[in-house]
Amino acid sequence: MPYNVKNLNGTSNNRVPCGYTSWLDFWEKKSGKKARECACCYKNAEVGAHVQKANSDDRSWYIVPLCCHCNCISSSEEFTVYDILIPVNS
């Protein structure tokens, strides 16, 4: 299912939960999938990016695999991702 999201820029210093080596590792273990492709442009997934759903009352933070280029999209820009969103607090 596609989701319209916005990046949460400046969150790279947020501590990864205990038991995970990175936010990408967190996404893989929670989703049960291997993060091979960027959920936006289908290049190689490089990071587990923090995003929020756009145009939604849901203000939760989610992790989704992105390439570094897509992870740098401004937080004011809306874009579409085509993979599972994993809540940060899951």
N, C-alpha and C. Protein backbone atom coordinates (compact mmCIF):
# COMPACT_ATOMS: atom_id res chain seq x y z
N MET A 1 0.85 -1.18 0.00
CA MET A 1 0.00 0.00 0.00
C MET A 1 0.89 1.24 0.00
N PRO A 2 0.66 2.17 -0.91
CA PRO A 2 1.46 3.40 -0.91
C PRO A 2 1.01 4.35 0.20
N TYR A 3 1.98 5.09 0.73
CA TYR A 3 1.72 6.10 1.76
C TYR A 3 2.35 7.41 1.33
N ASN A 4 1.64 8.51 1.49
CA ASN A 4 2.22 9.82 1.31
C ASN A 4 2.82 10.23 2.65
N VAL A 5 4.11 10.58 2.63
CA VAL A 5 4.83 10.87 3.86
C VAL A 5 5.65 12.14 3.71
N LYS A 6 6.17 12.60 4.85
CA LYS A 6 7.16 13.68 4.90
C LYS A 6 8.30 13.21 5.77
N ASN A 7 9.52 13.54 5.36
CA ASN A 7 10.69 13.21 6.16
C ASN A 7 10.68 13.98 7.47
N LEU A 8 11.25 13.39 8.48
CA LEU A 8 11.52 14.07 9.73
C LEU A 8 13.02 14.34 9.73
N ASN A 9 13.43 15.44 9.14
CA ASN A 9 14.85 15.77 9.03
C ASN A 9 15.44 16.09 10.40
N GLY A 10 16.71 15.74 10.58
CA GLY A 10 17.42 16.03 11.82
C GLY A 10 17.19 15.01 12.91
N THR A 11 16.77 13.80 12.55
CA THR A 11 16.49 12.77 13.57
C THR A 11 17.57 11.70 13.63
N SER A 12 18.67 11.89 12.90
CA SER A 12 19.69 10.84 12.83
C SER A 12 20.35 10.56 14.18
N ASN A 13 20.28 11.50 15.10
CA ASN A 13 20.88 11.28 16.43
C ASN A 13 19.95 10.55 17.38
N ASN A 14 18.72 10.28 16.96
CA ASN A 14 17.80 9.54 17.83
C ASN A 14 18.35 8.15 18.07
N ARG A 15 18.37 7.76 19.31
CA ARG A 15 18.96 6.47 19.72
C ARG A 15 18.13 5.30 19.19
N VAL A 16 18.83 4.35 18.60
CA VAL A 16 18.21 3.12 18.12
C VAL A 16 17.85 2.27 19.34
N PRO A 17 16.66 1.68 19.39
CA PRO A 17 16.29 0.85 20.54
C PRO A 17 17.29 -0.28 20.78
N CYS A 18 17.42 -0.66 22.01
CA CYS A 18 18.32 -1.74 22.41
C CYS A 18 17.96 -3.02 21.64
N GLY A 19 18.98 -3.71 21.17
CA GLY A 19 18.77 -4.95 20.44
C GLY A 19 18.82 -4.78 18.92
N TYR A 20 18.99 -3.54 18.46
CA TYR A 20 19.05 -3.26 17.02
C TYR A 20 20.34 -2.50 16.73
N THR A 21 20.94 -2.76 15.58
CA THR A 21 22.20 -2.11 15.23
C THR A 21 22.01 -0.79 14.50
N SER A 22 20.83 -0.58 13.92
CA SER A 22 20.53 0.65 13.18
C SER A 22 19.02 0.74 13.00
N TRP A 23 18.55 1.88 12.51
CA TRP A 23 17.12 2.01 12.23
C TRP A 23 16.71 1.10 11.07
N LEU A 24 17.64 0.85 10.15
CA LEU A 24 17.35 -0.07 9.05
C LEU A 24 17.21 -1.50 9.59
N ASP A 25 18.08 -1.87 10.51
CA ASP A 25 17.98 -3.18 11.17
C ASP A 25 16.66 -3.29 11.94
N PHE A 26 16.26 -2.22 12.60
CA PHE A 26 14.98 -2.16 13.31
C PHE A 26 13.83 -2.44 12.35
N TRP A 27 13.83 -1.75 11.19
CA TRP A 27 12.77 -1.94 10.19
C TRP A 27 12.75 -3.38 9.70
N GLU A 28 13.93 -3.93 9.40
CA GLU A 28 14.00 -5.31 8.88
C GLU A 28 13.45 -6.31 9.90
N LYS A 29 13.86 -6.19 11.13
CA LYS A 29 13.42 -7.16 12.14
C LYS A 29 11.94 -7.01 12.46
N LYS A 30 11.43 -5.79 12.49
CA LYS A 30 10.00 -5.57 12.79
C LYS A 30 9.11 -5.96 11.60
N SER A 31 9.58 -5.72 10.38
CA SER A 31 8.77 -6.02 9.19
C SER A 31 8.90 -7.48 8.76
N GLY A 32 10.01 -8.11 9.15
CA GLY A 32 10.27 -9.48 8.69
C GLY A 32 10.75 -9.53 7.24
N LYS A 33 11.17 -8.38 6.72
CA LYS A 33 11.62 -8.29 5.33
C LYS A 33 13.07 -7.80 5.28
N LYS A 34 13.74 -8.05 4.19
CA LYS A 34 15.08 -7.52 3.94
C LYS A 34 14.93 -6.20 3.20
N ALA A 35 15.58 -5.17 3.68
CA ALA A 35 15.50 -3.84 3.06
C ALA A 35 16.48 -3.77 1.89
N ARG A 36 16.03 -4.12 0.73
CA ARG A 36 16.90 -4.11 -0.45
C ARG A 36 16.76 -2.83 -1.26
N GLU A 37 15.53 -2.30 -1.34
CA GLU A 37 15.27 -1.14 -2.20
C GLU A 37 14.71 0.02 -1.40
N CYS A 38 15.05 1.22 -1.86
CA CYS A 38 14.45 2.44 -1.33
C CYS A 38 12.95 2.36 -1.57
N ALA A 39 12.16 2.64 -0.56
CA ALA A 39 10.71 2.56 -0.66
C ALA A 39 10.12 3.66 -1.54
N CYS A 40 10.97 4.60 -1.98
CA CYS A 40 10.50 5.70 -2.82
C CYS A 40 10.96 5.55 -4.27
N CYS A 41 12.28 5.39 -4.47
CA CYS A 41 12.81 5.41 -5.85
C CYS A 41 13.37 4.07 -6.31
N TYR A 42 13.42 3.09 -5.42
CA TYR A 42 13.86 1.72 -5.72
C TYR A 42 15.37 1.57 -5.95
N LYS A 43 16.16 2.60 -5.61
CA LYS A 43 17.62 2.42 -5.57
C LYS A 43 17.92 1.59 -4.33
N ASN A 44 19.19 1.34 -4.04
CA ASN A 44 19.55 0.56 -2.86
C ASN A 44 19.12 1.27 -1.58
N ALA A 45 18.47 0.54 -0.69
CA ALA A 45 18.12 1.09 0.63
C ALA A 45 19.39 1.23 1.44
N GLU A 46 19.58 2.41 2.04
CA GLU A 46 20.79 2.68 2.80
C GLU A 46 20.52 3.02 4.25
N VAL A 47 19.33 3.54 4.54
CA VAL A 47 19.01 3.97 5.91
C VAL A 47 17.58 3.63 6.25
N GLY A 48 17.33 3.52 7.54
CA GLY A 48 15.97 3.47 8.04
C GLY A 48 15.58 4.89 8.37
N ALA A 49 14.73 5.47 7.57
CA ALA A 49 14.40 6.89 7.68
C ALA A 49 13.18 7.12 8.57
N HIS A 50 13.22 8.22 9.31
CA HIS A 50 12.08 8.64 10.13
C HIS A 50 11.15 9.47 9.25
N VAL A 51 9.89 9.08 9.21
CA VAL A 51 8.88 9.81 8.43
C VAL A 51 7.59 9.93 9.24
N GLN A 52 6.74 10.83 8.79
CA GLN A 52 5.37 10.94 9.30
C GLN A 52 4.42 10.88 8.12
N LYS A 53 3.23 10.36 8.35
CA LYS A 53 2.22 10.35 7.31
C LYS A 53 1.83 11.80 7.00
N ALA A 54 1.71 12.11 5.72
CA ALA A 54 1.31 13.45 5.29
C ALA A 54 -0.21 13.54 5.26
N ASN A 55 -0.72 14.72 5.46
CA ASN A 55 -2.16 14.97 5.39
C ASN A 55 -2.95 14.02 6.28
N SER A 56 -2.46 13.84 7.49
CA SER A 56 -3.09 12.91 8.41
C SER A 56 -3.07 13.49 9.82
N ASP A 57 -4.03 13.09 10.62
CA ASP A 57 -4.03 13.46 12.04
C ASP A 57 -3.06 12.60 12.83
N ASP A 58 -2.57 11.53 12.20
CA ASP A 58 -1.62 10.62 12.83
C ASP A 58 -0.25 11.30 12.87
N ARG A 59 0.20 11.68 14.05
CA ARG A 59 1.48 12.37 14.20
C ARG A 59 2.59 11.41 14.65
N SER A 60 2.34 10.11 14.57
CA SER A 60 3.33 9.11 14.94
C SER A 60 4.53 9.17 14.02
N TRP A 61 5.67 8.73 14.53
CA TRP A 61 6.88 8.60 13.73
C TRP A 61 6.98 7.16 13.24
N TYR A 62 7.42 7.00 12.01
CA TYR A 62 7.57 5.69 11.39
C TYR A 62 8.96 5.55 10.78
N ILE A 63 9.39 4.31 10.60
CA ILE A 63 10.64 4.00 9.92
C ILE A 63 10.32 3.30 8.61
N VAL A 64 11.03 3.71 7.57
CA VAL A 64 10.88 3.11 6.25
C VAL A 64 12.26 3.12 5.59
N PRO A 65 12.61 2.11 4.80
CA PRO A 65 13.93 2.10 4.15
C PRO A 65 13.99 3.09 2.99
N LEU A 66 15.03 3.93 3.00
CA LEU A 66 15.23 4.89 1.93
C LEU A 66 16.71 4.90 1.52
N CYS A 67 16.98 5.40 0.32
CA CYS A 67 18.35 5.68 -0.09
C CYS A 67 18.73 7.02 0.54
N CYS A 68 20.01 7.35 0.53
CA CYS A 68 20.44 8.61 1.15
C CYS A 68 19.84 9.83 0.44
N HIS A 69 19.70 9.74 -0.88
CA HIS A 69 19.12 10.85 -1.63
C HIS A 69 17.69 11.14 -1.17
N CYS A 70 16.86 10.11 -1.11
CA CYS A 70 15.46 10.31 -0.70
C CYS A 70 15.35 10.69 0.78
N ASN A 71 16.30 10.24 1.58
CA ASN A 71 16.30 10.60 3.00
C ASN A 71 16.60 12.08 3.19
N CYS A 72 17.16 12.73 2.19
CA CYS A 72 17.48 14.16 2.28
C CYS A 72 16.37 15.06 1.72
N ILE A 73 15.28 14.47 1.28
CA ILE A 73 14.15 15.28 0.81
C ILE A 73 13.69 16.15 1.98
N SER A 74 13.44 17.41 1.70
CA SER A 74 13.04 18.36 2.73
C SER A 74 11.78 17.90 3.46
N SER A 75 11.71 18.24 4.74
CA SER A 75 10.53 17.87 5.53
C SER A 75 9.29 18.64 5.09
N SER A 76 9.45 19.64 4.23
CA SER A 76 8.29 20.37 3.73
C SER A 76 7.71 19.72 2.46
N GLU A 77 8.44 18.76 1.89
CA GLU A 77 7.99 18.07 0.67
C GLU A 77 7.30 16.76 1.00
N GLU A 78 6.20 16.52 0.35
CA GLU A 78 5.48 15.25 0.48
C GLU A 78 5.95 14.32 -0.63
N PHE A 79 6.14 13.03 -0.30
CA PHE A 79 6.50 12.05 -1.32
C PHE A 79 5.84 10.72 -0.97
N THR A 80 5.84 9.81 -1.93
CA THR A 80 5.15 8.53 -1.77
C THR A 80 6.15 7.42 -1.55
N VAL A 81 5.86 6.57 -0.58
CA VAL A 81 6.67 5.37 -0.35
C VAL A 81 5.80 4.14 -0.57
N TYR A 82 6.44 3.07 -1.01
CA TYR A 82 5.73 1.84 -1.38
C TYR A 82 6.25 0.66 -0.56
N ASP A 83 6.21 0.80 0.75
CA ASP A 83 6.61 -0.31 1.62
C ASP A 83 5.97 -0.11 2.98
N ILE A 84 6.21 -1.06 3.85
CA ILE A 84 5.60 -1.05 5.19
C ILE A 84 6.20 0.07 6.03
N LEU A 85 5.34 0.80 6.71
CA LEU A 85 5.78 1.79 7.71
C LEU A 85 5.78 1.10 9.06
N ILE A 86 6.91 1.14 9.74
CA ILE A 86 7.02 0.53 11.08
C ILE A 86 7.03 1.65 12.11
N PRO A 87 6.08 1.64 13.05
CA PRO A 87 6.06 2.69 14.08
C PRO A 87 7.34 2.63 14.93
N VAL A 88 7.90 3.79 15.24
CA VAL A 88 9.11 3.87 16.06
C VAL A 88 8.87 3.24 17.42
N ASN A 89 7.68 3.39 17.96
CA ASN A 89 7.37 2.87 19.30
C ASN A 89 6.80 1.46 19.29
N SER A 90 7.16 0.67 18.26
CA SER A 90 6.61 -0.70 18.21
C SER A 90 7.51 -1.69 18.88
